Amino acid sequence: ILVNPYPGKRNSTPQWRGLEVRSRAGGQWLPIFFGLQQADGF
């Protein structure tokens, strides 16, 4: 998150392309953020 700022425009970089956006916040991040709410290491 800290080294990949949002470009605010369409692009095909490894970090900010549509499928990768979907996979992160609409996929992989969901069980992490909510499933680890009681974890001190988060």
All heavy atoms as atom14 arrays in JSON, in Angstrom:
{
  "sequence": "ILVNPYPGKRNSTPQWRGLEVRSRAGGQWLPIFFGLQQADGF",
  "atom14_mask": [
    [1, 1, 1, 1, 1, 1, 1, 1, 0, 0, 0, 0, 0, 0],
    [1, 1, 1, 1, 1, 1, 1, 1, 0, 0, 0, 0, 0, 0],
    [1, 1, 1, 1, 1, 1, 1, 0, 0, 0, 0, 0, 0, 0],
    [1, 1, 1, 1, 1, 1, 1, 1, 0, 0, 0, 0, 0, 0],
    [1, 1, 1, 1, 1, 1, 1, 0, 0, 0, 0, 0, 0, 0],
    [1, 1, 1, 1, 1, 1, 1, 1, 1, 1, 1, 1, 0, 0],
    [1, 1, 1, 1, 1, 1, 1, 0, 0, 0, 0, 0, 0, 0],
    [1, 1, 1, 1, 0, 0, 0, 0, 0, 0, 0, 0, 0, 0],
    [1, 1, 1, 1, 1, 1, 1, 1, 1, 0, 0, 0, 0, 0],
    [1, 1, 1, 1, 1, 1, 1, 1, 1, 1, 1, 0, 0, 0],
    [1, 1, 1, 1, 1, 1, 1, 1, 0, 0, 0, 0, 0, 0],
    [1, 1, 1, 1, 1, 1, 0, 0, 0, 0, 0, 0, 0, 0],
    [1, 1, 1, 1, 1, 1, 1, 0, 0, 0, 0, 0, 0, 0],
    [1, 1, 1, 1, 1, 1, 1, 0, 0, 0, 0, 0, 0, 0],
    [1, 1, 1, 1, 1, 1, 1, 1, 1, 0, 0, 0, 0, 0],
    [1, 1, 1, 1, 1, 1, 1, 1, 1, 1, 1, 1, 1, 1],
    [1, 1, 1, 1, 1, 1, 1, 1, 1, 1, 1, 0, 0, 0],
    [1, 1, 1, 1, 0, 0, 0, 0, 0, 0, 0, 0, 0, 0],
    [1, 1, 1, 1, 1, 1, 1, 1, 0, 0, 0, 0, 0, 0],
    [1, 1, 1, 1, 1, 1, 1, 1, 1, 0, 0, 0, 0, 0],
    [1, 1, 1, 1, 1, 1, 1, 0, 0, 0, 0, 0, 0, 0],
    [1, 1, 1, 1, 1, 1, 1, 1, 1, 1, 1, 0, 0, 0],
    [1, 1, 1, 1, 1, 1, 0, 0, 0, 0, 0, 0, 0, 0],
    [1, 1, 1, 1, 1, 1, 1, 1, 1, 1, 1, 0, 0, 0],
    [1, 1, 1, 1, 1, 0, 0, 0, 0, 0, 0, 0, 0, 0],
    [1, 1, 1, 1, 0, 0, 0, 0, 0, 0, 0, 0, 0, 0],
    [1, 1, 1, 1, 0, 0, 0, 0, 0, 0, 0, 0, 0, 0],
    [1, 1, 1, 1, 1, 1, 1, 1, 1, 0, 0, 0, 0, 0],
    [1, 1, 1, 1, 1, 1, 1, 1, 1, 1, 1, 1, 1, 1],
    [1, 1, 1, 1, 1, 1, 1, 1, 0, 0, 0, 0, 0, 0],
    [1, 1, 1, 1, 1, 1, 1, 0, 0, 0, 0, 0, 0, 0],
    [1, 1, 1, 1, 1, 1, 1, 1, 0, 0, 0, 0, 0, 0],
    [1, 1, 1, 1, 1, 1, 1, 1, 1, 1, 1, 0, 0, 0],
    [1, 1, 1, 1, 1, 1, 1, 1, 1, 1, 1, 0, 0, 0],
    [1, 1, 1, 1, 0, 0, 0, 0, 0, 0, 0, 0, 0, 0],
    [1, 1, 1, 1, 1, 1, 1, 1, 0, 0, 0, 0, 0, 0],
    [1, 1, 1, 1, 1, 1, 1, 1, 1, 0, 0, 0, 0, 0],
    [1, 1, 1, 1, 1, 1, 1, 1, 1, 0, 0, 0, 0, 0],
    [1, 1, 1, 1, 1, 0, 0, 0, 0, 0, 0, 0, 0, 0],
    [1, 1, 1, 1, 1, 1, 1, 1, 0, 0, 0, 0, 0, 0],
    [1, 1, 1, 1, 0, 0, 0, 0, 0, 0, 0, 0, 0, 0],
    [1, 1, 1, 1, 1, 1, 1, 1, 1, 1, 1, 0, 0, 0]
  ],
  "atom14_positions": [
    [[0.83, -1.21, 0.0], [0.0, 0.0, 0.0], [0.86, 1.26, 0.0], [0.59, 2.21, -0.75], [-0.95, -0.01, 1.21], [-2.0, -1.13, 1.06], [-1.65, 1.35, 1.35], [-2.85, -1.34, 2.3], [0.0, 0.0, 0.0], [0.0, 0.0, 0.0], [0.0, 0.0, 0.0], [0.0, 0.0, 0.0], [0.0, 0.0, 0.0], [0.0, 0.0, 0.0]],
    [[1.91, 1.26, 0.79], [2.7, 2.48, 0.94], [3.55, 2.82, -0.27], [3.83, 3.99, -0.52], [3.59, 2.37, 2.18], [2.85, 2.38, 3.52], [3.82, 2.27, 4.68], [2.01, 3.65, 3.66], [0.0, 0.0, 0.0], [0.0, 0.0, 0.0], [0.0, 0.0, 0.0], [0.0, 0.0, 0.0], [0.0, 0.0, 0.0], [0.0, 0.0, 0.0]],
    [[3.95, 1.82, -1.04], [4.84, 2.12, -2.18], [4.13, 2.08, -3.52], [4.78, 2.27, -4.56], [6.06, 1.17, -2.2], [6.85, 1.29, -0.92], [5.64, -0.26, -2.44], [0.0, 0.0, 0.0], [0.0, 0.0, 0.0], [0.0, 0.0, 0.0], [0.0, 0.0, 0.0], [0.0, 0.0, 0.0], [0.0, 0.0, 0.0], [0.0, 0.0, 0.0]],
    [[2.82, 1.86, -3.5], [2.07, 1.81, -4.76], [0.87, 2.77, -4.71], [-0.28, 2.33, -4.64], [1.6, 0.38, -5.03], [2.75, -0.56, -5.3], [3.52, -0.37, -6.23], [2.89, -1.59, -4.46], [0.0, 0.0, 0.0], [0.0, 0.0, 0.0], [0.0, 0.0, 0.0], [0.0, 0.0, 0.0], [0.0, 0.0, 0.0], [0.0, 0.0, 0.0]],
    [[1.12, 4.07, -4.74], [0.02, 5.03, -4.66], [-0.93, 4.9, -5.84], [-0.52, 4.54, -6.95], [0.73, 6.39, -4.65], [2.05, 6.13, -5.32], [2.42, 4.74, -4.91], [0.0, 0.0, 0.0], [0.0, 0.0, 0.0], [0.0, 0.0, 0.0], [0.0, 0.0, 0.0], [0.0, 0.0, 0.0], [0.0, 0.0, 0.0], [0.0, 0.0, 0.0]],
    [[-2.18, 5.2, -5.59], [-3.21, 5.1, -6.62], [-2.96, 6.11, -7.73], [-2.87, 7.31, -7.48], [-4.58, 5.34, -5.99], [-5.73, 5.32, -6.96], [-5.84, 4.33, -7.93], [-6.74, 6.28, -6.89], [-6.91, 4.3, -8.81], [-7.82, 6.25, -7.76], [-7.89, 5.27, -8.72], [-8.95, 5.24, -9.6], [0.0, 0.0, 0.0], [0.0, 0.0, 0.0]],
    [[-2.86, 5.67, -9.0], [-2.58, 6.6, -10.08], [-3.78, 7.43, -10.51], [-3.62, 8.45, -11.18], [-2.11, 5.68, -11.22], [-2.83, 4.39, -10.96], [-2.88, 4.26, -9.46], [0.0, 0.0, 0.0], [0.0, 0.0, 0.0], [0.0, 0.0, 0.0], [0.0, 0.0, 0.0], [0.0, 0.0, 0.0], [0.0, 0.0, 0.0], [0.0, 0.0, 0.0]],
    [[-4.98, 6.98, -10.19], [-6.18, 7.74, -10.55], [-6.52, 7.74, -12.02], [-7.26, 8.59, -12.49], [0.0, 0.0, 0.0], [0.0, 0.0, 0.0], [0.0, 0.0, 0.0], [0.0, 0.0, 0.0], [0.0, 0.0, 0.0], [0.0, 0.0, 0.0], [0.0, 0.0, 0.0], [0.0, 0.0, 0.0], [0.0, 0.0, 0.0], [0.0, 0.0, 0.0]],
    [[-5.99, 6.78, -12.77], [-6.29, 6.7, -14.19], [-6.13, 5.26, -14.65], [-5.49, 4.44, -13.98], [-5.36, 7.6, -15.0], [-3.88, 7.25, -14.86], [-3.01, 8.21, -15.65], [-1.54, 7.84, -15.51], [-0.66, 8.78, -16.28], [0.0, 0.0, 0.0], [0.0, 0.0, 0.0], [0.0, 0.0, 0.0], [0.0, 0.0, 0.0], [0.0, 0.0, 0.0]],
    [[-6.71, 4.95, -15.81], [-6.59, 3.6, -16.36], [-5.13, 3.31, -16.71], [-4.44, 4.15, -17.28], [-7.44, 3.48, -17.62], [-7.46, 2.08, -18.22], [-8.2, 2.07, -19.55], [-9.57, 2.55, -19.4], [-10.58, 1.78, -19.02], [-10.38, 0.5, -18.74], [-11.81, 2.28, -18.93], [0.0, 0.0, 0.0], [0.0, 0.0, 0.0], [0.0, 0.0, 0.0]],
    [[-4.66, 2.14, -16.34], [-3.3, 1.76, -16.71], [-3.15, 0.25, -16.66], [-4.05, -0.46, -16.2], [-2.27, 2.44, -15.8], [-2.27, 1.85, -14.4], [-1.44, 1.02, -14.06], [-3.22, 2.25, -13.57], [0.0, 0.0, 0.0], [0.0, 0.0, 0.0], [0.0, 0.0, 0.0], [0.0, 0.0, 0.0], [0.0, 0.0, 0.0], [0.0, 0.0, 0.0]],
    [[-2.02, -0.24, -17.14], [-1.79, -1.68, -17.19], [-0.52, -2.06, -16.45], [0.12, -3.05, -16.78], [-1.71, -2.15, -18.65], [-0.66, -1.47, -19.33], [0.0, 0.0, 0.0], [0.0, 0.0, 0.0], [0.0, 0.0, 0.0], [0.0, 0.0, 0.0], [0.0, 0.0, 0.0], [0.0, 0.0, 0.0], [0.0, 0.0, 0.0], [0.0, 0.0, 0.0]],
    [[-0.13, -1.25, -15.47], [1.04, -1.59, -14.67], [0.76, -2.85, -13.86], [-0.4, -3.23, -13.65], [1.38, -0.45, -13.71], [0.29, -0.26, -12.79], [1.65, 0.84, -14.46], [0.0, 0.0, 0.0], [0.0, 0.0, 0.0], [0.0, 0.0, 0.0], [0.0, 0.0, 0.0], [0.0, 0.0, 0.0], [0.0, 0.0, 0.0], [0.0, 0.0, 0.0]],
    [[1.81, -3.52, -13.39], [1.57, -4.7, -12.55], [0.72, -4.39, -11.33], [-0.06, -5.23, -10.88], [2.98, -5.14, -12.16], [3.88, -4.61, -13.22], [3.25, -3.3, -13.64], [0.0, 0.0, 0.0], [0.0, 0.0, 0.0], [0.0, 0.0, 0.0], [0.0, 0.0, 0.0], [0.0, 0.0, 0.0], [0.0, 0.0, 0.0], [0.0, 0.0, 0.0]],
    [[0.86, -3.17, -10.79], [0.18, -2.84, -9.54], [-1.26, -2.4, -9.71], [-2.09, -2.66, -8.83], [0.97, -1.73, -8.81], [2.4, -2.11, -8.47], [3.39, -1.64, -9.53], [3.09, -1.68, -10.72], [4.56, -1.2, -9.1], [0.0, 0.0, 0.0], [0.0, 0.0, 0.0], [0.0, 0.0, 0.0], [0.0, 0.0, 0.0], [0.0, 0.0, 0.0]],
    [[-1.57, -1.7, -10.8], [-2.9, -1.1, -10.91], [-3.54, -1.39, -12.26], [-3.58, -0.53, -13.14], [-2.83, 0.41, -10.67], [-2.62, 0.79, -9.25], [-1.45, 1.12, -8.64], [-3.63, 0.87, -8.24], [-1.66, 1.4, -7.33], [-2.99, 1.26, -7.04], [-5.02, 0.66, -8.22], [-3.68, 1.43, -5.84], [-5.71, 0.82, -7.03], [-5.04, 1.21, -5.85]],
    [[-4.05, -2.58, -12.39], [-4.85, -2.94, -13.55], [-6.15, -3.5, -13.01], [-6.23, -3.95, -11.86], [-4.11, -3.98, -14.41], [-4.78, -4.24, -15.76], [-4.04, -5.32, -16.54], [-4.12, -6.61, -15.86], [-4.13, -7.78, -16.49], [-4.04, -7.84, -17.81], [-4.19, -8.91, -15.8], [0.0, 0.0, 0.0], [0.0, 0.0, 0.0], [0.0, 0.0, 0.0]],
    [[-7.2, -3.52, -13.81], [-8.51, -3.87, -13.31], [-8.62, -5.2, -12.61], [-9.23, -5.33, -11.55], [0.0, 0.0, 0.0], [0.0, 0.0, 0.0], [0.0, 0.0, 0.0], [0.0, 0.0, 0.0], [0.0, 0.0, 0.0], [0.0, 0.0, 0.0], [0.0, 0.0, 0.0], [0.0, 0.0, 0.0], [0.0, 0.0, 0.0], [0.0, 0.0, 0.0]],
    [[-8.04, -6.24, -13.19], [-8.15, -7.57, -12.58], [-7.39, -7.64, -11.26], [-7.82, -8.34, -10.33], [-7.64, -8.64, -13.53], [-8.45, -8.85, -14.81], [-7.96, -10.09, -15.54], [-9.94, -8.96, -14.52], [0.0, 0.0, 0.0], [0.0, 0.0, 0.0], [0.0, 0.0, 0.0], [0.0, 0.0, 0.0], [0.0, 0.0, 0.0], [0.0, 0.0, 0.0]],
    [[-6.28, -6.93, -11.17], [-5.52, -6.93, -9.93], [-6.25, -6.14, -8.85], [-6.26, -6.53, -7.68], [-4.12, -6.36, -10.16], [-3.21, -7.27, -10.94], [-3.71, -7.55, -12.37], [-3.89, -6.58, -13.13], [-3.94, -8.73, -12.69], [0.0, 0.0, 0.0], [0.0, 0.0, 0.0], [0.0, 0.0, 0.0], [0.0, 0.0, 0.0], [0.0, 0.0, 0.0]],
    [[-6.88, -5.03, -9.23], [-7.69, -4.25, -8.3], [-8.79, -5.12, -7.71], [-9.02, -5.17, -6.5], [-8.29, -3.03, -9.01], [-9.4, -2.39, -8.17], [-7.2, -2.0, -9.3], [0.0, 0.0, 0.0], [0.0, 0.0, 0.0], [0.0, 0.0, 0.0], [0.0, 0.0, 0.0], [0.0, 0.0, 0.0], [0.0, 0.0, 0.0], [0.0, 0.0, 0.0]],
    [[-9.47, -5.85, -8.6], [-10.56, -6.71, -8.15], [-10.05, -7.81, -7.22], [-10.65, -8.11, -6.19], [-11.25, -7.31, -9.37], [-12.42, -8.22, -9.02], [-12.02, -9.65, -8.88], [-13.12, -10.46, -8.35], [-12.96, -11.65, -7.82], [-11.75, -12.18, -7.73], [-14.0, -12.32, -7.36], [0.0, 0.0, 0.0], [0.0, 0.0, 0.0], [0.0, 0.0, 0.0]],
    [[-8.93, -8.42, -7.59], [-8.41, -9.54, -6.81], [-7.99, -9.13, -5.41], [-8.15, -9.89, -4.46], [-7.23, -10.18, -7.54], [-6.72, -11.28, -6.83], [0.0, 0.0, 0.0], [0.0, 0.0, 0.0], [0.0, 0.0, 0.0], [0.0, 0.0, 0.0], [0.0, 0.0, 0.0], [0.0, 0.0, 0.0], [0.0, 0.0, 0.0], [0.0, 0.0, 0.0]],
    [[-7.49, -7.9, -5.29], [-7.03, -7.45, -3.96], [-8.22, -7.06, -3.08], [-8.63, -7.79, -2.17], [-6.06, -6.26, -4.11], [-4.7, -6.65, -4.65], [-3.72, -5.48, -4.52], [-4.16, -4.29, -5.19], [-3.83, -3.94, -6.44], [-3.05, -4.73, -7.16], [-4.28, -2.81, -6.98], [0.0, 0.0, 0.0], [0.0, 0.0, 0.0], [0.0, 0.0, 0.0]],
    [[-8.77, -5.87, -3.32], [-9.79, -5.34, -2.4], [-11.11, -6.09, -2.49], [-11.87, -6.12, -1.51], [-10.02, -3.85, -2.68], [0.0, 0.0, 0.0], [0.0, 0.0, 0.0], [0.0, 0.0, 0.0], [0.0, 0.0, 0.0], [0.0, 0.0, 0.0], [0.0, 0.0, 0.0], [0.0, 0.0, 0.0], [0.0, 0.0, 0.0], [0.0, 0.0, 0.0]],
    [[-11.42, -6.68, -3.64], [-12.66, -7.42, -3.78], [-12.5, -8.9, -3.58], [-13.44, -9.67, -3.78], [0.0, 0.0, 0.0], [0.0, 0.0, 0.0], [0.0, 0.0, 0.0], [0.0, 0.0, 0.0], [0.0, 0.0, 0.0], [0.0, 0.0, 0.0], [0.0, 0.0, 0.0], [0.0, 0.0, 0.0], [0.0, 0.0, 0.0], [0.0, 0.0, 0.0]],
    [[-11.29, -9.33, -3.17], [-11.04, -10.75, -3.02], [-10.14, -11.06, -1.83], [-10.6, -11.29, -0.73], [0.0, 0.0, 0.0], [0.0, 0.0, 0.0], [0.0, 0.0, 0.0], [0.0, 0.0, 0.0], [0.0, 0.0, 0.0], [0.0, 0.0, 0.0], [0.0, 0.0, 0.0], [0.0, 0.0, 0.0], [0.0, 0.0, 0.0], [0.0, 0.0, 0.0]],
    [[-8.83, -11.02, -2.05], [-7.87, -11.46, -1.04], [-7.94, -10.66, 0.26], [-7.75, -11.23, 1.35], [-6.44, -11.38, -1.61], [-6.18, -12.26, -2.81], [-6.09, -13.73, -2.45], [-6.11, -14.12, -1.28], [-5.99, -14.57, -3.47], [0.0, 0.0, 0.0], [0.0, 0.0, 0.0], [0.0, 0.0, 0.0], [0.0, 0.0, 0.0], [0.0, 0.0, 0.0]],
    [[-8.2, -9.36, 0.17], [-8.18, -8.54, 1.37], [-9.38, -8.76, 2.29], [-9.29, -8.52, 3.49], [-8.13, -7.06, 1.0], [-6.82, -6.6, 0.47], [-5.73, -7.36, 0.13], [-6.44, -5.25, 0.19], [-4.72, -6.57, -0.34], [-5.11, -5.28, -0.32], [-7.1, -4.01, 0.3], [-4.44, -4.11, -0.68], [-6.43, -2.85, -0.07], [-5.11, -2.9, -0.56]],
    [[-10.48, -9.21, 1.76], [-11.71, -9.29, 2.55], [-11.58, -10.25, 3.74], [-11.87, -9.85, 4.89], [-12.88, -9.69, 1.66], [-13.27, -8.65, 0.6], [-14.33, -9.23, -0.33], [-13.78, -7.38, 1.26], [0.0, 0.0, 0.0], [0.0, 0.0, 0.0], [0.0, 0.0, 0.0], [0.0, 0.0, 0.0], [0.0, 0.0, 0.0], [0.0, 0.0, 0.0]],
    [[-11.19, -11.52, 3.56], [-11.07, -12.4, 4.72], [-9.94, -12.01, 5.64], [-9.93, -12.4, 6.82], [-10.84, -13.78, 4.09], [-10.25, -13.49, 2.75], [-10.91, -12.22, 2.29], [0.0, 0.0, 0.0], [0.0, 0.0, 0.0], [0.0, 0.0, 0.0], [0.0, 0.0, 0.0], [0.0, 0.0, 0.0], [0.0, 0.0, 0.0], [0.0, 0.0, 0.0]],
    [[-8.97, -11.25, 5.13], [-7.87, -10.78, 5.99], [-8.38, -9.68, 6.92], [-8.24, -9.76, 8.15], [-6.7, -10.26, 5.13], [-6.06, -11.41, 4.36], [-5.67, -9.53, 5.99], [-5.08, -10.97, 3.3], [0.0, 0.0, 0.0], [0.0, 0.0, 0.0], [0.0, 0.0, 0.0], [0.0, 0.0, 0.0], [0.0, 0.0, 0.0], [0.0, 0.0, 0.0]],
    [[-8.98, -8.66, 6.34], [-9.41, -7.52, 7.16], [-10.44, -7.95, 8.21], [-10.31, -7.62, 9.39], [-9.98, -6.41, 6.28], [-10.35, -5.18, 7.09], [-9.38, -4.25, 7.41], [-11.65, -4.98, 7.53], [-9.71, -3.12, 8.16], [-11.98, -3.87, 8.28], [-11.01, -2.93, 8.6], [0.0, 0.0, 0.0], [0.0, 0.0, 0.0], [0.0, 0.0, 0.0]],
    [[-11.46, -8.68, 7.79], [-12.52, -9.03, 8.73], [-12.22, -10.3, 9.53], [-12.63, -10.4, 10.69], [-13.85, -9.17, 7.98], [-14.37, -7.87, 7.46], [-14.17, -7.49, 6.15], [-15.03, -7.0, 8.31], [-14.63, -6.27, 5.67], [-15.49, -5.77, 7.85], [-15.29, -5.41, 6.53], [0.0, 0.0, 0.0], [0.0, 0.0, 0.0], [0.0, 0.0, 0.0]],
    [[-11.49, -11.23, 8.95], [-11.21, -12.47, 9.65], [-10.13, -12.37, 10.7], [-9.98, -13.27, 11.53], [0.0, 0.0, 0.0], [0.0, 0.0, 0.0], [0.0, 0.0, 0.0], [0.0, 0.0, 0.0], [0.0, 0.0, 0.0], [0.0, 0.0, 0.0], [0.0, 0.0, 0.0], [0.0, 0.0, 0.0], [0.0, 0.0, 0.0], [0.0, 0.0, 0.0]],
    [[-9.38, -11.25, 10.69], [-8.29, -11.07, 11.65], [-8.56, -9.93, 12.61], [-7.63, -9.4, 13.23], [-6.98, -10.83, 10.9], [-6.49, -11.98, 10.01], [-5.23, -11.57, 9.28], [-6.23, -13.23, 10.84], [0.0, 0.0, 0.0], [0.0, 0.0, 0.0], [0.0, 0.0, 0.0], [0.0, 0.0, 0.0], [0.0, 0.0, 0.0], [0.0, 0.0, 0.0]],
    [[-9.81, -9.55, 12.78], [-10.12, -8.42, 13.64], [-9.71, -8.65, 15.1], [-9.47, -7.7, 15.83], [-11.61, -8.09, 13.56], [-12.0, -7.26, 12.35], [-11.3, -5.92, 12.32], [-11.24, -5.19, 13.32], [-10.75, -5.57, 11.18], [0.0, 0.0, 0.0], [0.0, 0.0, 0.0], [0.0, 0.0, 0.0], [0.0, 0.0, 0.0], [0.0, 0.0, 0.0]],
    [[-9.62, -9.88, 15.53], [-9.24, -10.16, 16.91], [-7.76, -10.51, 17.05], [-7.31, -10.87, 18.14], [-10.1, -11.3, 17.47], [-11.59, -11.1, 17.33], [-12.07, -9.78, 17.93], [-11.65, -9.4, 19.02], [-12.95, -9.1, 17.22], [0.0, 0.0, 0.0], [0.0, 0.0, 0.0], [0.0, 0.0, 0.0], [0.0, 0.0, 0.0], [0.0, 0.0, 0.0]],
    [[-7.0, -10.39, 15.96], [-5.59, -10.78, 15.98], [-4.7, -9.6, 16.31], [-4.69, -8.6, 15.6], [-5.2, -11.38, 14.62], [0.0, 0.0, 0.0], [0.0, 0.0, 0.0], [0.0, 0.0, 0.0], [0.0, 0.0, 0.0], [0.0, 0.0, 0.0], [0.0, 0.0, 0.0], [0.0, 0.0, 0.0], [0.0, 0.0, 0.0], [0.0, 0.0, 0.0]],
    [[-3.93, -9.73, 17.38], [-3.03, -8.64, 17.78], [-1.95, -8.4, 16.73], [-1.47, -7.27, 16.58], [-2.38, -8.97, 19.12], [-3.38, -8.98, 20.28], [-4.44, -8.34, 20.13], [-3.1, -9.64, 21.3], [0.0, 0.0, 0.0], [0.0, 0.0, 0.0], [0.0, 0.0, 0.0], [0.0, 0.0, 0.0], [0.0, 0.0, 0.0], [0.0, 0.0, 0.0]],
    [[-1.55, -9.45, 16.01], [-0.5, -9.3, 15.01], [-0.92, -8.56, 13.77], [-0.09, -8.21, 12.93], [0.0, 0.0, 0.0], [0.0, 0.0, 0.0], [0.0, 0.0, 0.0], [0.0, 0.0, 0.0], [0.0, 0.0, 0.0], [0.0, 0.0, 0.0], [0.0, 0.0, 0.0], [0.0, 0.0, 0.0], [0.0, 0.0, 0.0], [0.0, 0.0, 0.0]],
    [[-2.21, -8.33, 13.63], [-2.74, -7.52, 12.52], [-2.74, -6.09, 13.02], [-3.64, -5.66, 13.73], [-4.13, -8.0, 12.15], [-4.77, -7.34, 10.97], [-4.01, -6.85, 9.92], [-6.15, -7.2, 10.91], [-4.61, -6.23, 8.83], [-6.76, -6.59, 9.83], [-5.99, -6.1, 8.79], [0.0, 0.0, 0.0], [0.0, 0.0, 0.0], [0.0, 0.0, 0.0]]
  ]
}
